[in-house]
Every structure is written in C-alpha cells, then in structure tokens.
C-alpha cells in the first residue's frame, strides 16, 4: 500500500465530517448518516486505487450504505481493503452530544477482516495490558488479569461500555468486583481507543456493539500497541448463515491478526462533534475547521491534523 494514501484517507474522513456537521442538533440521524456516507463515497472515488469495502455500515439500522463488496476509487493503483463507519455516532450528531467521528481504515488487499455487519462481543485494552485479556474467560477473570498487568487493584479499574439493556448483567458483575463503570450512549470506537491513553481514565472496553466498529477499533489499537478481541453475535439463523457463507466461525474468538494482518494499515477519524480524541467541525465565516486523528501501523505514528477548508 502506498504511504501517500494516508493523507488521502484524511481527506475522506474530513469530507464526511464536514457534510454531516451541517446536521448537528437536527434530531435527524438518518440525514446525518446519509450526508456523511455520500460525501465519503464521493471522496473515495477520487483516489487512484482499486478498493473494496470489506467492512461496511448501514445493514443493522437500514441507513444509507457503503456496503460490503462495494468498489471504490478510480480502479487504478494499489488494491486496497476498506473499513468504514462514515459517522460513528449518528445519534450523537443529531442531538449535539460529544465524541461523534467520521471514521475509515485501509489496509492491503486481503488484510482486513471480511465480516458481515452485525453485533460483536468485544474486549479491548491499551498497550500496557495487551496480552492479558481473553474473551473466553469471565469478566471477573479478565478484570483480575488486567489489574495485574497495570499494577492496579481491581477497585481502581474503570471499564467503559454502551448504555444498553443487554449489558445489565455485565455491569452488575463489574460492580460486584469493585471496579468502576462509565456508560456511553454511542461511539465505542472512540471508547476503545481511549483505553490506550493513560490520561483518559479508561482501562477496559467491554460489551456488545457493532462489528464494523470492532474492526475499525482493532486497526486503531494495532497502531497504538493495544489489543481487541471479538466474537460475532448473530441474532438469528439468517445472520449465522451469512457468517458461514463468508467463512467465519461464529464460535471462535477473533484476534488482532484476524482483524488486520500485518502492519500496513492506516486509521483516520475526523471529529464531527467535540470529544476527548479530537475537536469537532467548526463553521466560520469564510472557512471550515476540522481536526483529524491519523494513525499508521507501519511506522506506529499518531498525528493530529488540523485542517482549514476555505469556502
């Protein structure tokens, strides 16, 4: 994969964030997603590459898709795998909350997990606890192992999870162990990344969220030296059949090298609303300001890119 594609990826997420940002506070999550998706597709199609979407969005909530198998780019240049979530947190944008991102990741052809858009059980940690987690173990066992890796008591750990009814038992077990819980309404890509930042106060991501977000978070954590493990959670026979057709064992834990092979991968996230990772889009009189987190696994660099877009 050509290294110049890293900056091209930034332009893609910037375009999606700017388009979606006009709908901040609108209450219309579908308009947010459509604006971001269409802008991302147009930006991708201007890049000299022969790319395929292997992780897309839209099937779960019937939003406008960048669908799995869709071809992007001019058709000339390197063959690329793409994972996208045009707007990570459509509700966040619609109701003007924190931590909405336009997110995309790329890797060489065949190097990103090719999986359907469904739910995924996840556990993620930063570099200091990488190698200590095991999704086959109980939550209590994982908390003890992470605490030991970080040199903390379990009571000093903070886990982050989506505020969903399906997580009530998870939260109860965490609380019973004496650890702390931070609930978020949406946006578990940002939450997973925050496990790699010591000043975030987040030690572990736990719970069930979207599979596309799991792949994107895994690419980001690969750049940062962290770890994510996942397991697909088909809700019915149709989803289970789709996994089988794609050659995925739903009973097997998906590891980092399954999510993204090798180190030739790039992750970009542009803020739509303000958050812990990056600032949101700002619309000034004659220009637009953006801020993007760009991470490259091949050289382990993390950059914050401030964009000024003249109107």
C-alpha atoms as a PDB file:
ATOM      1  CA  UNK A   1       0.000   0.000   0.000  1.00  0.00           C
ATOM      2  CA  UNK A   2       1.333   3.421  -0.953  1.00  0.00           C
ATOM      3  CA  UNK A   3       2.093   5.651   2.031  1.00  0.00           C
ATOM      4  CA  UNK A   4       0.504   8.636   0.247  1.00  0.00           C
ATOM      5  CA  UNK A   5      -2.884   7.022   0.811  1.00  0.00           C
ATOM      6  CA  UNK A   6      -2.701   8.053   4.469  1.00  0.00           C
ATOM      7  CA  UNK A   7      -3.350  11.697   3.632  1.00  0.00           C
ATOM      8  CA  UNK A   8      -5.971  10.694   1.080  1.00  0.00           C
ATOM      9  CA  UNK A   9      -7.779   8.891   3.888  1.00  0.00           C
ATOM     10  CA  UNK A  10      -7.728  12.096   5.940  1.00  0.00           C
ATOM     11  CA  UNK A  11      -9.427  13.945   3.078  1.00  0.00           C
ATOM     12  CA  UNK A  12     -12.114  11.263   3.005  1.00  0.00           C
ATOM     13  CA  UNK A  13     -12.978  11.494   6.707  1.00  0.00           C
ATOM     14  CA  UNK A  14     -12.782  15.301   6.582  1.00  0.00           C
ATOM     15  CA  UNK A  15     -15.341  15.349   3.767  1.00  0.00           C
ATOM     16  CA  UNK A  16     -17.717  13.092   5.675  1.00  0.00           C
ATOM     17  CA  UNK A  17     -17.381  15.086   8.892  1.00  0.00           C
ATOM     18  CA  UNK A  18     -17.981  18.427   7.152  1.00  0.00           C
ATOM     19  CA  UNK A  19     -21.074  17.125   5.348  1.00  0.00           C
ATOM     20  CA  UNK A  20     -22.554  15.547   8.480  1.00  0.00           C
ATOM     21  CA  UNK A  21     -21.697  18.531  10.644  1.00  0.00           C
ATOM     22  CA  UNK A  22     -24.346  20.658   8.980  1.00  0.00           C
ATOM     23  CA  UNK A  23     -26.908  18.378  10.641  1.00  0.00           C
ATOM     24  CA  UNK A  24     -25.579  18.768  14.210  1.00  0.00           C
ATOM     25  CA  UNK A  25     -28.543  19.185  16.557  1.00  0.00           C
ATOM     26  CA  UNK A  26     -31.097  18.427  13.826  1.00  0.00           C
ATOM     27  CA  UNK A  27     -32.570  15.397  15.569  1.00  0.00           C
ATOM     28  CA  UNK A  28     -32.399  13.521  12.251  1.00  0.00           C
ATOM     29  CA  UNK A  29     -29.856  10.695  12.494  1.00  0.00           C
ATOM     30  CA  UNK A  30     -30.749   9.388   9.034  1.00  0.00           C
ATOM     31  CA  UNK A  31     -29.923  12.722   7.404  1.00  0.00           C
ATOM     32  CA  UNK A  32     -26.641  12.760   9.350  1.00  0.00           C
ATOM     33  CA  UNK A  33     -25.698   9.299   8.091  1.00  0.00           C
ATOM     34  CA  UNK A  34     -26.774   9.974   4.520  1.00  0.00           C
ATOM     35  CA  UNK A  35     -24.773  13.206   4.338  1.00  0.00           C
ATOM     36  CA  UNK A  36     -21.633  11.575   5.739  1.00  0.00           C
ATOM     37  CA  UNK A  37     -21.963   8.442   3.626  1.00  0.00           C
ATOM     38  CA  UNK A  38     -22.481  10.268   0.346  1.00  0.00           C
ATOM     39  CA  UNK A  39     -19.582  12.659   0.993  1.00  0.00           C
ATOM     40  CA  UNK A  40     -17.292   9.759   1.939  1.00  0.00           C
ATOM     41  CA  UNK A  41     -18.210   7.812  -1.196  1.00  0.00           C
ATOM     42  CA  UNK A  42     -17.511  10.803  -3.473  1.00  0.00           C
ATOM     43  CA  UNK A  43     -14.150  11.437  -1.776  1.00  0.00           C
ATOM     44  CA  UNK A  44     -13.092   7.790  -2.007  1.00  0.00           C
ATOM     45  CA  UNK A  45     -13.945   7.661  -5.721  1.00  0.00           C
ATOM     46  CA  UNK A  46     -11.447  10.445  -6.467  1.00  0.00           C
ATOM     47  CA  UNK A  47      -8.490   8.392  -5.174  1.00  0.00           C
ATOM     48  CA  UNK A  48      -6.295   6.356  -7.513  1.00  0.00           C
ATOM     49  CA  UNK A  49      -6.830   2.927  -6.013  1.00  0.00           C
ATOM     50  CA  UNK A  50      -8.694  -0.293  -6.667  1.00  0.00           C
ATOM     51  CA  UNK A  51     -10.536  -0.637  -3.387  1.00  0.00           C
ATOM     52  CA  UNK A  52     -13.225  -2.871  -1.929  1.00  0.00           C
ATOM     53  CA  UNK A  53     -15.349  -2.225   1.137  1.00  0.00           C
ATOM     54  CA  UNK A  54     -14.885  -5.281   3.348  1.00  0.00           C
ATOM     55  CA  UNK A  55     -16.477  -3.750   6.440  1.00  0.00           C
ATOM     56  CA  UNK A  56     -19.419  -1.512   5.674  1.00  0.00           C
ATOM     57  CA  UNK A  57     -22.232   0.146   7.553  1.00  0.00           C
ATOM     58  CA  UNK A  58     -25.949   0.503   7.330  1.00  0.00           C
ATOM     59  CA  UNK A  59     -27.349  -3.034   7.426  1.00  0.00           C
ATOM     60  CA  UNK A  60     -28.329  -3.016  11.072  1.00  0.00           C
ATOM     61  CA  UNK A  61     -30.186   0.323  11.172  1.00  0.00           C
ATOM     62  CA  UNK A  62     -31.138   0.454   7.464  1.00  0.00           C
ATOM     63  CA  UNK A  63     -29.069   3.586   6.940  1.00  0.00           C
ATOM     64  CA  UNK A  64     -27.592   4.536   3.551  1.00  0.00           C
ATOM     65  CA  UNK A  65     -24.805   2.053   2.923  1.00  0.00           C
ATOM     66  CA  UNK A  66     -21.223   1.938   1.912  1.00  0.00           C
ATOM     67  CA  UNK A  67     -21.984  -1.722   1.512  1.00  0.00           C
ATOM     68  CA  UNK A  68     -19.743  -4.758   1.835  1.00  0.00           C
ATOM     69  CA  UNK A  69     -18.310  -5.578  -1.574  1.00  0.00           C
ATOM     70  CA  UNK A  70     -18.763  -2.065  -2.980  1.00  0.00           C
ATOM     71  CA  UNK A  71     -15.892  -0.955  -5.227  1.00  0.00           C
ATOM     72  CA  UNK A  72     -14.381   2.461  -4.568  1.00  0.00           C
ATOM     73  CA  UNK A  73     -11.632   4.541  -6.158  1.00  0.00           C
ATOM     74  CA  UNK A  74     -10.753   5.126  -9.792  1.00  0.00           C
ATOM     75  CA  UNK A  75      -9.895   1.454 -10.332  1.00  0.00           C
ATOM     76  CA  UNK A  76      -6.248   2.310 -10.962  1.00  0.00           C
ATOM     77  CA  UNK A  77      -3.472   1.905  -8.415  1.00  0.00           C
ATOM     78  CA  UNK A  78      -2.984  -0.349  -5.397  1.00  0.00           C
ATOM     79  CA  UNK A  79      -5.584  -2.932  -4.370  1.00  0.00           C
ATOM     80  CA  UNK A  80      -6.965  -1.899  -1.006  1.00  0.00           C
ATOM     81  CA  UNK A  81      -9.335  -3.185   1.686  1.00  0.00           C
ATOM     82  CA  UNK A  82     -11.539  -0.516   3.257  1.00  0.00           C
ATOM     83  CA  UNK A  83     -13.434  -0.499   6.563  1.00  0.00           C
ATOM     84  CA  UNK A  84     -15.801   2.397   7.157  1.00  0.00           C
ATOM     85  CA  UNK A  85     -18.212   3.915   9.605  1.00  0.00           C
ATOM     86  CA  UNK A  86     -18.993   7.217   7.865  1.00  0.00           C
ATOM     87  CA  UNK A  87     -20.474   8.627  11.055  1.00  0.00           C
ATOM     88  CA  UNK A  88     -19.637   6.838  14.290  1.00  0.00           C
ATOM     89  CA  UNK A  89     -22.454   8.150  16.441  1.00  0.00           C
ATOM     90  CA  UNK A  90     -25.283   9.384  14.212  1.00  0.00           C
ATOM     91  CA  UNK A  91     -27.440   9.973  17.299  1.00  0.00           C
ATOM     92  CA  UNK A  92     -24.576  11.914  18.858  1.00  0.00           C
ATOM     93  CA  UNK A  93     -24.530  14.303  15.909  1.00  0.00           C
ATOM     94  CA  UNK A  94     -28.311  14.525  15.681  1.00  0.00           C
ATOM     95  CA  UNK A  95     -28.565  15.590  19.320  1.00  0.00           C
ATOM     96  CA  UNK A  96     -25.291  17.566  19.528  1.00  0.00           C
ATOM     97  CA  UNK A  97     -23.522  15.325  22.027  1.00  0.00           C
ATOM     98  CA  UNK A  98     -19.808  14.565  22.384  1.00  0.00           C
ATOM     99  CA  UNK A  99     -17.452  12.176  20.551  1.00  0.00           C
ATOM    100  CA  UNK A 100     -19.010  11.770  17.092  1.00  0.00           C
ATOM    101  CA  UNK A 101     -16.437  10.800  14.464  1.00  0.00           C
ATOM    102  CA  UNK A 102     -16.163  10.144  10.734  1.00  0.00           C
ATOM    103  CA  UNK A 103     -14.028   7.003  10.615  1.00  0.00           C
ATOM    104  CA  UNK A 104     -12.262   4.894   7.986  1.00  0.00           C
ATOM    105  CA  UNK A 105      -9.378   2.437   7.828  1.00  0.00           C
ATOM    106  CA  UNK A 106      -7.451   0.910   4.945  1.00  0.00           C
ATOM    107  CA  UNK A 107      -5.043  -1.985   4.524  1.00  0.00           C
ATOM    108  CA  UNK A 108      -3.554  -4.038   1.717  1.00  0.00           C
ATOM    109  CA  UNK A 109      -5.912  -6.277  -0.243  1.00  0.00           C
ATOM    110  CA  UNK A 110      -6.973  -9.277   1.843  1.00  0.00           C
ATOM    111  CA  UNK A 111      -5.609  -7.903   5.114  1.00  0.00           C
ATOM    112  CA  UNK A 112      -8.792  -6.672   6.845  1.00  0.00           C
ATOM    113  CA  UNK A 113     -11.388  -8.961   8.368  1.00  0.00           C
ATOM    114  CA  UNK A 114     -14.207  -9.569   5.909  1.00  0.00           C
ATOM    115  CA  UNK A 115     -17.280  -9.872   8.113  1.00  0.00           C
ATOM    116  CA  UNK A 116     -20.987  -9.054   7.926  1.00  0.00           C
ATOM    117  CA  UNK A 117     -22.488  -6.019   9.613  1.00  0.00           C
ATOM    118  CA  UNK A 118     -23.871  -7.476  12.821  1.00  0.00           C
ATOM    119  CA  UNK A 119     -23.256  -7.327  16.534  1.00  0.00           C
ATOM    120  CA  UNK A 120     -19.953  -8.299  18.115  1.00  0.00           C
ATOM    121  CA  UNK A 121     -18.918  -9.031  21.683  1.00  0.00           C
ATOM    122  CA  UNK A 122     -15.710  -7.095  22.432  1.00  0.00           C
ATOM    123  CA  UNK A 123     -12.983  -6.604  24.964  1.00  0.00           C
ATOM    124  CA  UNK A 124     -10.235  -4.034  24.403  1.00  0.00           C
ATOM    125  CA  UNK A 125      -7.264  -2.696  26.339  1.00  0.00           C
ATOM    126  CA  UNK A 126      -4.334  -0.379  25.767  1.00  0.00           C
ATOM    127  CA  UNK A 127      -0.683  -1.367  25.271  1.00  0.00           C
ATOM    128  CA  UNK A 128       0.107  -1.801  28.970  1.00  0.00           C
ATOM    129  CA  UNK A 129      -2.472  -4.571  29.278  1.00  0.00           C
ATOM    130  CA  UNK A 130      -2.091  -6.115  25.815  1.00  0.00           C
ATOM    131  CA  UNK A 131      -1.676  -9.879  26.097  1.00  0.00           C
ATOM    132  CA  UNK A 132      -3.572 -10.104  29.376  1.00  0.00           C
ATOM    133  CA  UNK A 133      -7.133 -10.424  28.058  1.00  0.00           C
ATOM    134  CA  UNK A 134      -9.029 -13.491  26.884  1.00  0.00           C
ATOM    135  CA  UNK A 135     -12.638 -13.258  25.704  1.00  0.00           C
ATOM    136  CA  UNK A 136     -13.131 -16.923  26.622  1.00  0.00           C
ATOM    137  CA  UNK A 137     -12.635 -16.055  30.298  1.00  0.00           C
ATOM    138  CA  UNK A 138     -15.196 -14.476  32.604  1.00  0.00           C
ATOM    139  CA  UNK A 139     -15.375 -10.732  33.167  1.00  0.00           C
ATOM    140  CA  UNK A 140     -14.068 -11.235  36.692  1.00  0.00           C
ATOM    141  CA  UNK A 141     -11.045 -13.175  35.448  1.00  0.00           C
ATOM    142  CA  UNK A 142     -10.284 -10.531  32.824  1.00  0.00           C
ATOM    143  CA  UNK A 143     -10.555  -7.727  35.374  1.00  0.00           C
ATOM    144  CA  UNK A 144      -8.078  -9.505  37.636  1.00  0.00           C
ATOM    145  CA  UNK A 145      -5.635 -10.100  34.765  1.00  0.00           C
ATOM    146  CA  UNK A 146      -5.815  -6.512  33.527  1.00  0.00           C
ATOM    147  CA  UNK A 147      -5.411  -5.148  37.043  1.00  0.00           C
ATOM    148  CA  UNK A 148      -2.266  -7.254  37.497  1.00  0.00           C
ATOM    149  CA  UNK A 149      -0.877  -6.088  34.136  1.00  0.00           C
ATOM    150  CA  UNK A 150      -1.497  -2.446  35.002  1.00  0.00           C
ATOM    151  CA  UNK A 151      -0.235  -2.744  38.568  1.00  0.00           C
ATOM    152  CA  UNK A 152      -3.590  -1.663  39.966  1.00  0.00           C
ATOM    153  CA  UNK A 153      -6.201  -3.016  42.320  1.00  0.00           C
ATOM    154  CA  UNK A 154      -9.403  -4.138  40.612  1.00  0.00           C
ATOM    155  CA  UNK A 155     -11.185  -1.359  42.513  1.00  0.00           C
ATOM    156  CA  UNK A 156      -9.006   1.155  40.627  1.00  0.00           C
ATOM    157  CA  UNK A 157     -10.082  -0.073  37.187  1.00  0.00           C
ATOM    158  CA  UNK A 158     -12.645   1.745  35.043  1.00  0.00           C
ATOM    159  CA  UNK A 159     -14.478  -0.136  32.324  1.00  0.00           C
ATOM    160  CA  UNK A 160     -16.434   1.591  29.575  1.00  0.00           C
ATOM    161  CA  UNK A 161     -19.493   0.120  27.881  1.00  0.00           C
ATOM    162  CA  UNK A 162     -22.529   1.150  25.888  1.00  0.00           C
ATOM    163  CA  UNK A 163     -25.575   2.026  27.988  1.00  0.00           C
ATOM    164  CA  UNK A 164     -27.794  -0.802  26.789  1.00  0.00           C
ATOM    165  CA  UNK A 165     -30.209  -3.192  28.489  1.00  0.00           C
ATOM    166  CA  UNK A 166     -28.175  -6.126  27.178  1.00  0.00           C
ATOM    167  CA  UNK A 167     -25.276  -5.018  29.408  1.00  0.00           C
ATOM    168  CA  UNK A 168     -27.109  -5.088  32.751  1.00  0.00           C
ATOM    169  CA  UNK A 169     -25.555  -8.411  33.811  1.00  0.00           C
ATOM    170  CA  UNK A 170     -22.107  -7.292  32.624  1.00  0.00           C
ATOM    171  CA  UNK A 171     -22.371  -4.088  34.656  1.00  0.00           C
ATOM    172  CA  UNK A 172     -23.572  -5.995  37.718  1.00  0.00           C
ATOM    173  CA  UNK A 173     -20.547  -8.318  37.569  1.00  0.00           C
ATOM    174  CA  UNK A 174     -18.133  -5.400  37.157  1.00  0.00           C
ATOM    175  CA  UNK A 175     -19.674  -3.594  40.126  1.00  0.00           C
ATOM    176  CA  UNK A 176     -19.599  -6.787  42.211  1.00  0.00           C
ATOM    177  CA  UNK A 177     -15.845  -6.984  41.563  1.00  0.00           C
ATOM    178  CA  UNK A 178     -15.454  -3.445  42.885  1.00  0.00           C
ATOM    179  CA  UNK A 179     -14.443  -1.864  39.563  1.00  0.00           C
ATOM    180  CA  UNK A 180     -15.901   1.356  38.199  1.00  0.00           C
ATOM    181  CA  UNK A 181     -18.228   1.714  35.199  1.00  0.00           C
ATOM    182  CA  UNK A 182     -18.501   4.511  32.645  1.00  0.00           C
ATOM    183  CA  UNK A 183     -21.570   4.343  30.408  1.00  0.00           C
ATOM    184  CA  UNK A 184     -21.738   5.886  26.950  1.00  0.00           C
ATOM    185  CA  UNK A 185     -24.774   6.342  24.705  1.00  0.00           C
ATOM    186  CA  UNK A 186     -22.897   5.614  21.449  1.00  0.00           C
ATOM    187  CA  UNK A 187     -19.396   5.628  19.979  1.00  0.00           C
ATOM    188  CA  UNK A 188     -17.416   2.570  21.048  1.00  0.00           C
ATOM    189  CA  UNK A 189     -14.606   3.207  18.524  1.00  0.00           C
ATOM    190  CA  UNK A 190     -13.543   6.273  20.490  1.00  0.00           C
ATOM    191  CA  UNK A 191     -14.087   4.329  23.711  1.00  0.00           C
ATOM    192  CA  UNK A 192     -11.773   1.515  22.589  1.00  0.00           C
ATOM    193  CA  UNK A 193      -9.087   3.997  21.534  1.00  0.00           C
ATOM    194  CA  UNK A 194      -9.298   5.711  24.920  1.00  0.00           C
ATOM    195  CA  UNK A 195      -8.081   2.509  26.609  1.00  0.00           C
ATOM    196  CA  UNK A 196      -4.687   3.247  25.013  1.00  0.00           C
ATOM    197  CA  UNK A 197      -4.449   6.729  26.548  1.00  0.00           C
ATOM    198  CA  UNK A 198      -3.426   6.700  30.187  1.00  0.00           C
ATOM    199  CA  UNK A 199      -4.934  10.120  30.897  1.00  0.00           C
ATOM    200  CA  UNK A 200      -8.374   9.044  29.644  1.00  0.00           C
ATOM    201  CA  UNK A 201      -9.119   7.184  32.858  1.00  0.00           C
ATOM    202  CA  UNK A 202     -10.420   4.198  30.864  1.00  0.00           C
ATOM    203  CA  UNK A 203      -8.790   0.786  31.355  1.00  0.00           C
ATOM    204  CA  UNK A 204     -11.049  -1.692  29.508  1.00  0.00           C
ATOM    205  CA  UNK A 205     -13.799  -1.657  26.902  1.00  0.00           C
ATOM    206  CA  UNK A 206     -16.381  -4.391  27.399  1.00  0.00           C
ATOM    207  CA  UNK A 207     -19.693  -5.302  25.827  1.00  0.00           C
ATOM    208  CA  UNK A 208     -21.584  -5.875  22.609  1.00  0.00           C
ATOM    209  CA  UNK A 209     -21.533  -3.338  19.779  1.00  0.00           C
ATOM    210  CA  UNK A 210     -21.273  -3.248  16.004  1.00  0.00           C
ATOM    211  CA  UNK A 211     -18.811  -5.467  14.142  1.00  0.00           C
ATOM    212  CA  UNK A 212     -17.698  -2.626  11.801  1.00  0.00           C
ATOM    213  CA  UNK A 213     -16.764  -0.550  14.832  1.00  0.00           C
ATOM    214  CA  UNK A 214     -14.844  -3.550  16.185  1.00  0.00           C
ATOM    215  CA  UNK A 215     -12.683  -3.815  13.069  1.00  0.00           C
ATOM    216  CA  UNK A 216     -12.056  -0.064  12.982  1.00  0.00           C
ATOM    217  CA  UNK A 217     -11.116  -0.018  16.665  1.00  0.00           C
ATOM    218  CA  UNK A 218      -8.797  -3.001  16.154  1.00  0.00           C
ATOM    219  CA  UNK A 219      -6.912  -1.162  13.394  1.00  0.00           C
ATOM    220  CA  UNK A 220      -6.555   1.879  15.652  1.00  0.00           C
ATOM    221  CA  UNK A 221      -5.346  -0.216  18.586  1.00  0.00           C
ATOM    222  CA  UNK A 222      -2.862  -2.013  16.331  1.00  0.00           C
ATOM    223  CA  UNK A 223      -1.333   1.390  15.595  1.00  0.00           C
ATOM    224  CA  UNK A 224      -1.226   2.153  19.321  1.00  0.00           C
ATOM    225  CA  UNK A 225       0.014  -1.242  20.534  1.00  0.00           C
ATOM    226  CA  UNK A 226      -3.248  -2.158  22.250  1.00  0.00           C
ATOM    227  CA  UNK A 227      -5.413  -5.237  21.829  1.00  0.00           C
ATOM    228  CA  UNK A 228      -9.007  -6.015  20.929  1.00  0.00           C
ATOM    229  CA  UNK A 229     -10.699  -9.401  20.850  1.00  0.00           C
ATOM    230  CA  UNK A 230     -14.151 -10.002  19.416  1.00  0.00           C
ATOM    231  CA  UNK A 231     -16.777 -12.612  18.759  1.00  0.00           C
ATOM    232  CA  UNK A 232     -19.610 -12.222  16.271  1.00  0.00           C
ATOM    233  CA  UNK A 233     -23.107 -12.408  17.772  1.00  0.00           C
ATOM    234  CA  UNK A 234     -25.620 -13.447  15.099  1.00  0.00           C
ATOM    235  CA  UNK A 235     -29.168 -12.689  16.200  1.00  0.00           C
ATOM    236  CA  UNK A 236     -30.918 -15.252  14.004  1.00  0.00           C
ATOM    237  CA  UNK A 237     -30.366 -18.123  11.566  1.00  0.00           C
ATOM    238  CA  UNK A 238     -30.048 -15.725   8.623  1.00  0.00           C
ATOM    239  CA  UNK A 239     -27.141 -13.868  10.204  1.00  0.00           C
ATOM    240  CA  UNK A 240     -25.492 -17.132  11.223  1.00  0.00           C
ATOM    241  CA  UNK A 241     -25.831 -18.376   7.628  1.00  0.00           C
ATOM    242  CA  UNK A 242     -24.169 -15.208   6.342  1.00  0.00           C
ATOM    243  CA  UNK A 243     -21.210 -15.839   8.640  1.00  0.00           C
ATOM    244  CA  UNK A 244     -20.865 -19.408   7.373  1.00  0.00           C
ATOM    245  CA  UNK A 245     -21.036 -18.218   3.759  1.00  0.00           C
ATOM    246  CA  UNK A 246     -18.222 -15.757   4.465  1.00  0.00           C
ATOM    247  CA  UNK A 247     -16.097 -18.491   6.062  1.00  0.00           C
ATOM    248  CA  UNK A 248     -16.381 -17.182   9.627  1.00  0.00           C
ATOM    249  CA  UNK A 249     -16.643 -19.485  12.634  1.00  0.00           C
ATOM    250  CA  UNK A 250     -19.031 -17.612  14.933  1.00  0.00           C
ATOM    251  CA  UNK A 251     -17.885 -19.667  17.928  1.00  0.00           C
ATOM    252  CA  UNK A 252     -14.261 -18.608  17.516  1.00  0.00           C
ATOM    253  CA  UNK A 253     -12.695 -15.570  19.171  1.00  0.00           C
ATOM    254  CA  UNK A 254     -11.404 -13.066  16.613  1.00  0.00           C
ATOM    255  CA  UNK A 255      -7.870 -11.931  17.487  1.00  0.00           C
ATOM    256  CA  UNK A 256      -5.819  -8.938  16.375  1.00  0.00           C
ATOM    257  CA  UNK A 257      -4.180 -10.731  13.447  1.00  0.00           C
ATOM    258  CA  UNK A 258      -7.644 -11.781  12.291  1.00  0.00           C
ATOM    259  CA  UNK A 259      -8.900  -8.208  12.350  1.00  0.00           C
ATOM    260  CA  UNK A 260      -5.899  -6.824  10.463  1.00  0.00           C
ATOM    261  CA  UNK A 261      -2.970  -8.807   9.102  1.00  0.00           C
ATOM    262  CA  UNK A 262       0.487  -7.259   9.125  1.00  0.00           C
ATOM    263  CA  UNK A 263       1.320  -3.660   9.892  1.00  0.00           C
ATOM    264  CA  UNK A 264       0.474  -1.976   6.596  1.00  0.00           C
ATOM    265  CA  UNK A 265      -2.731  -0.318   7.776  1.00  0.00           C
ATOM    266  CA  UNK A 266      -3.945   3.241   8.315  1.00  0.00           C
ATOM    267  CA  UNK A 267      -6.722   4.618  10.542  1.00  0.00           C
ATOM    268  CA  UNK A 268      -8.289   8.079  10.336  1.00  0.00           C
ATOM    269  CA  UNK A 269     -11.023   9.718  12.415  1.00  0.00           C
ATOM    270  CA  UNK A 270     -12.216  13.296  11.943  1.00  0.00           C
ATOM    271  CA  UNK A 271     -14.264  14.895  14.699  1.00  0.00           C
ATOM    272  CA  UNK A 272     -17.836  15.843  13.905  1.00  0.00           C
ATOM    273  CA  UNK A 273     -18.666  16.986  17.430  1.00  0.00           C
ATOM    274  CA  UNK A 274     -16.105  17.820  20.123  1.00  0.00           C
ATOM    275  CA  UNK A 275     -14.690  14.865  22.044  1.00  0.00           C
ATOM    276  CA  UNK A 276     -11.747  13.555  24.031  1.00  0.00           C
ATOM    277  CA  UNK A 277      -9.814  12.472  20.940  1.00  0.00           C
ATOM    278  CA  UNK A 278     -10.365  15.381  18.530  1.00  0.00           C
ATOM    279  CA  UNK A 279     -12.355  18.596  18.194  1.00  0.00           C
ATOM    280  CA  UNK A 280     -15.497  18.740  16.119  1.00  0.00           C
ATOM    281  CA  UNK A 281     -16.149  20.623  12.890  1.00  0.00           C
ATOM    282  CA  UNK A 282     -16.286  24.419  13.209  1.00  0.00           C
ATOM    283  CA  UNK A 283     -18.026  26.529  10.536  1.00  0.00           C
ATOM    284  CA  UNK A 284     -16.519  30.001  10.346  1.00  0.00           C
ATOM    285  CA  UNK A 285     -17.498  32.906   8.091  1.00  0.00           C
ATOM    286  CA  UNK A 286     -15.190  32.024   5.205  1.00  0.00           C
ATOM    287  CA  UNK A 287     -13.687  28.660   6.185  1.00  0.00           C
ATOM    288  CA  UNK A 288     -14.311  25.379   7.997  1.00  0.00           C
ATOM    289  CA  UNK A 289     -12.015  23.926  10.657  1.00  0.00           C
ATOM    290  CA  UNK A 290     -11.517  20.186  11.114  1.00  0.00           C
ATOM    291  CA  UNK A 291      -9.335  18.050  13.347  1.00  0.00           C
ATOM    292  CA  UNK A 292      -8.321  14.505  12.429  1.00  0.00           C
ATOM    293  CA  UNK A 293      -6.574  11.691  14.271  1.00  0.00           C
ATOM    294  CA  UNK A 294      -4.347   9.839  11.794  1.00  0.00           C
ATOM    295  CA  UNK A 295      -2.569   6.647  12.841  1.00  0.00           C
ATOM    296  CA  UNK A 296      -0.307   4.396  10.782  1.00  0.00           C
ATOM    297  CA  UNK A 297       0.501   0.875  11.923  1.00  0.00           C
ATOM    298  CA  UNK A 298       3.529   0.502   9.635  1.00  0.00           C
ATOM    299  CA  UNK A 299       5.544   3.171  11.488  1.00  0.00           C
ATOM    300  CA  UNK A 300       3.471   3.447  14.695  1.00  0.00           C
ATOM    301  CA  UNK A 301       2.883   7.180  14.213  1.00  0.00           C
ATOM    302  CA  UNK A 302      -0.028   9.115  15.670  1.00  0.00           C
ATOM    303  CA  UNK A 303      -0.767  12.548  14.248  1.00  0.00           C
ATOM    304  CA  UNK A 304      -3.369  15.222  14.947  1.00  0.00           C
ATOM    305  CA  UNK A 305      -4.060  17.103  11.713  1.00  0.00           C
ATOM    306  CA  UNK A 306      -5.790  20.467  11.796  1.00  0.00           C
ATOM    307  CA  UNK A 307      -7.493  21.346   8.541  1.00  0.00           C
ATOM    308  CA  UNK A 308      -8.567  24.771   7.271  1.00  0.00           C
ATOM    309  CA  UNK A 309     -11.008  24.464   4.391  1.00  0.00           C
ATOM    310  CA  UNK A 310     -11.635  27.707   2.512  1.00  0.00           C
ATOM    311  CA  UNK A 311     -15.175  28.299   1.334  1.00  0.00           C
END
